[in-house]
Protein backbone atom coordinates (compact mmCIF):
# COMPACT_ATOMS: atom_id res chain seq x y z
CA UNK A 1 59.88 81.56 187.52
CA UNK A 2 63.07 80.95 184.82
CA UNK A 3 63.87 83.23 182.03
CA UNK A 4 63.03 80.23 179.55
CA UNK A 5 59.74 79.09 178.85
CA UNK A 6 58.85 75.92 180.57
CA UNK A 7 57.40 73.34 177.65
CA UNK A 8 54.61 71.12 180.09
CA UNK A 9 51.55 69.87 179.38
CA UNK A 10 48.11 71.84 179.99
CA UNK A 11 47.03 70.61 183.53
CA UNK A 12 42.99 70.31 184.32
CA UNK A 13 42.39 73.74 185.32
CA UNK A 14 39.06 74.52 187.53
CA UNK A 15 39.55 78.30 186.01
CA UNK A 16 37.57 77.17 182.81
CA UNK A 17 38.10 74.14 181.13
CA UNK A 18 35.79 75.26 178.48
CA UNK A 19 38.18 78.11 177.45
CA UNK A 20 41.16 74.95 176.89
CA UNK A 21 38.45 73.79 174.90
CA UNK A 22 38.32 76.70 172.63
CA UNK A 23 42.18 77.11 172.46
CA UNK A 24 42.26 73.11 170.91
CA UNK A 25 39.77 73.46 168.47
CA UNK A 26 41.52 77.27 167.19
CA UNK A 27 45.16 75.10 167.46
CA UNK A 28 42.88 72.12 165.50
CA UNK A 29 41.65 74.09 162.33
CA UNK A 30 45.45 75.67 162.40
CA UNK A 31 46.78 71.93 162.10
CA UNK A 32 44.65 71.26 159.27
CA UNK A 33 45.18 74.62 157.05
CA UNK A 34 48.61 73.18 157.37
CA UNK A 35 50.07 76.40 160.13
CA UNK A 36 53.47 75.58 160.95
CA UNK A 37 54.94 76.03 164.36
CA UNK A 38 52.39 76.28 166.43
CA UNK A 39 52.76 77.07 170.08
CA UNK A 40 50.32 77.62 172.81
CA UNK A 41 51.85 79.62 176.55
CA UNK A 42 50.00 79.45 179.31
CA UNK A 43 49.65 83.46 180.14
CA UNK A 44 47.63 82.70 183.49
CA UNK A 45 51.00 83.23 185.69
CA UNK A 46 52.26 86.55 184.16
CA UNK A 47 49.76 88.34 182.53
CA UNK A 48 46.35 89.41 183.08
CA UNK A 49 45.52 90.06 179.74
CA UNK A 50 44.65 87.23 178.89
CA UNK A 51 45.38 83.01 179.69
CA UNK A 52 46.62 81.80 175.91
CA UNK A 53 48.51 82.74 173.42
CA UNK A 54 47.80 80.39 169.74
CA UNK A 55 50.53 81.13 167.93
CA UNK A 56 51.52 79.93 164.45
CA UNK A 57 53.38 80.38 161.12
CA UNK A 58 51.59 80.22 157.58
CA UNK A 59 53.96 80.04 154.36
CA UNK A 60 52.57 83.32 152.76
CA UNK A 61 49.77 85.99 152.97
CA UNK A 62 47.25 83.40 151.83
CA UNK A 63 47.99 80.96 153.79
CA UNK A 64 48.04 83.75 157.12
CA UNK A 65 44.34 84.42 156.22
CA UNK A 66 42.87 81.01 155.33
CA UNK A 67 44.14 79.61 158.82
CA UNK A 68 42.84 82.63 160.49
CA UNK A 69 39.93 82.72 158.44
CA UNK A 70 39.79 78.80 159.25
CA UNK A 71 39.98 79.25 163.32
CA UNK A 72 37.00 81.97 162.61
CA UNK A 73 35.10 80.04 161.33
CA UNK A 74 35.50 76.60 163.33
CA UNK A 75 35.78 79.05 166.97
CA UNK A 76 32.13 80.57 165.29
CA UNK A 77 31.01 76.90 164.90
CA UNK A 78 31.51 76.38 168.97
CA UNK A 79 29.41 80.04 169.61
CA UNK A 80 33.10 81.26 169.66
CA UNK A 81 33.43 85.68 167.88
CA UNK A 82 36.24 86.87 168.23
CA UNK A 83 36.55 90.81 170.36
CA UNK A 84 38.86 92.29 167.99
CA UNK A 85 40.48 91.10 165.14
CA UNK A 86 44.26 92.99 163.29
CA UNK A 87 46.14 92.59 160.52
CA UNK A 88 43.75 90.36 158.79
CA UNK A 89 44.21 92.67 154.86
CA UNK A 90 48.25 92.47 155.45
CA UNK A 91 48.49 89.33 156.20
CA UNK A 92 51.73 89.58 158.00
CA UNK A 93 50.72 89.06 161.83
CA UNK A 94 46.30 88.23 161.75
CA UNK A 95 45.57 88.68 165.50
CA UNK A 96 42.12 87.60 166.68
CA UNK A 97 41.41 88.83 170.47
CA UNK A 98 38.82 86.01 172.14
CA UNK A 99 39.70 88.35 175.57
CA UNK A 100 40.24 84.76 177.45
CA UNK A 101 42.84 83.99 174.82
CA UNK A 102 44.54 85.27 172.07
CA UNK A 103 45.48 83.71 168.56
CA UNK A 104 48.32 85.05 166.37
CA UNK A 105 48.92 84.40 163.23
CA UNK A 106 52.00 85.25 161.25
CA UNK A 107 54.40 85.42 158.23
CA UNK A 108 57.50 83.40 158.55
CA UNK A 109 59.62 87.27 158.76
CA UNK A 110 56.45 88.86 160.78
CA UNK A 111 56.73 86.03 163.36
CA UNK A 112 60.69 85.89 163.16
CA UNK A 113 60.43 89.46 163.41
CA UNK A 114 58.28 90.01 166.29
CA UNK A 115 59.11 86.91 168.27
CA UNK A 116 56.76 86.73 171.04
CA UNK A 117 58.03 83.36 172.61
CA UNK A 118 61.77 85.10 172.87
CA UNK A 119 59.28 88.48 174.53
CA UNK A 120 56.56 85.98 176.62
CA UNK A 121 59.58 83.60 177.77
CA UNK A 122 58.26 83.38 181.07
CA UNK A 123 54.81 81.43 180.39
CA UNK A 124 54.70 77.48 179.99
CA UNK A 125 55.00 76.45 176.82
CA UNK A 126 52.38 74.12 176.58
CA UNK A 127 52.82 71.42 173.68
CA UNK A 128 49.94 71.09 171.71
CA UNK A 129 49.92 68.62 170.06
CA UNK A 130 50.38 66.04 173.41
CA UNK A 131 47.72 68.12 174.95
CA UNK A 132 44.65 66.95 172.50
CA UNK A 133 45.85 63.76 172.17
CA UNK A 134 45.07 63.37 176.09
CA UNK A 135 42.13 65.26 175.96
CA UNK A 136 40.43 63.54 173.21
CA UNK A 137 41.04 60.20 175.22
């Protein structure tokens, strides 16, 4: 793969369509709490510890925590609980590890500093809005 993440839509994958839907539940929850800059990275070809990263940004600590809370609540409604949560109390970078996918909710400064999109630039970048609208048809 090249050094730049490719922006693509997520195609059907027989390995785990339910995982893809759960990722979209998380993305919709983040959007409803006004998260900015949603990015979905497909890590299946470049990592073995998880399949997807959902990355988003909140404007301040309270919003970062609210986004995280909403994602956790929506996924709990789908009988999916995080295996691990990190960073909630500081609200700068909250990591919700669901095993098959990991949600990263950043403050603006932390997202810029850690720059996960650059670190995982070989991962396929998926257009969340396009994928979600295709699945809801």
